[in-house]
C-alpha cells in the first residue's frame, strides 16, 4: 500500500508448478513474493514481507518506483475452510470482510475472522470482548466503504481488514446488437452478465456465448427474483416500451447502483413521462442515466457499448457523472 502501484487487497496466487494468477505489485517485487509463496507452501507457515524505499532489498528486487509494500503470504491449504466459506458467500452474492492478524507468531497470523454485513461473525481472533467489538465496528465501516484497510488495535494486534464485495453483475434487458458487444466487454471488466429478452430468436447461446445467464422471459417477470442490490447494474436496450418501461420502473425503485436506457433526449422525455404515470417517484426518476453512456461521440454497437461501460465504471467508483 502507500504509493504502491496496486491497491490494498491486491492478490496473487501461485503453485509449486509455477502457475501464477493475479499481481500484488504490478511486477516490482513479484519475484521475491513468489519465492516466499513457494516457501510457505513447503513449510505450511505464513509470513509477512515488508518492502520500502529505505529497504535495500526493495531496490534489489525492483521497487525502484518508491513507496512501501507489505505482503501477507499464506499457504492456502491451512486456510481452506475459511476460503470455502468465503467462496460460498460470494457465490450467494453476499459481501463480507475477512480480518487477518499481521503480527505475532505463526499461530496468531493464522487466526481469521469473517464479518458479515449484519454484524455477525465467524472465527476467533482470541481478543477481549471490547477489542472484538472494535474490530467488528471497523470491519463494518470498511464494508460500507468498499475498501480494505489495516487496523492497529489499542493494546492488541495489527490487523488487515480485507473487503470482499460480490462480483458485480450487469443485467441487460434486450438481446440486441449492442448487447452482443456489451456482454464480452463487461465480462472482460469482471462483471457477471445476465441477458433478458422474451424473444426466443434473439436470446440464444449462439448469439451470447459468453453471457453468464440468458433468460428468455419478460423482464418484469424475472427481475424481482434477481438480487437487485448495490452490486448490480441494469441497462435497457430494446427501444420497446413494453420491455424497457417495466424494467426501468423496477430498477429505479430498487437499490441498483446504476440504471440506464438507450434512446435520444426526445425518446427519454416520453419515457420519463410514462414512468411518472406508472408511479415512479421523481427522486428515483432522477437516477436514470438516459441517453445511456458517456458522450464519446461513437455510433457503432462497439462504440456505444464502450460508452455504456465507461459510464458504469464511472458510477461504480464514485466519480462525478
Foldseek 3Di string as FASTA:
>chain_A
DFPAPDAPQWDWDADPVGDIDTDDGVQQQVVVLVVVLHVCQVVVFKAKDKDFPVDPVSVVSGVPVGTIDIDIHGHCVLVVVVVVVVVVCLVVQFKWKKKAFHDDGRVLRSFIKIAGLVLDIDTDNPDPPVQVVVVSVVLNVCQVVVGKDWDDRVVDTIMTIRIDGHFAEEEEEDLDPLVLQLQVVVVVVRYAYEYEALDPVRQDCVSVVRHNYGHNDQCLVCVVVDPQACRYEYEYEHLDCSRLLSNLLVNLPYHHLAYEYADDPVSVVVSLVVSVVVPRDPVSSVRYCPVAFDPPPDDDSNVRSVRNVVVVVCSVVVHDD
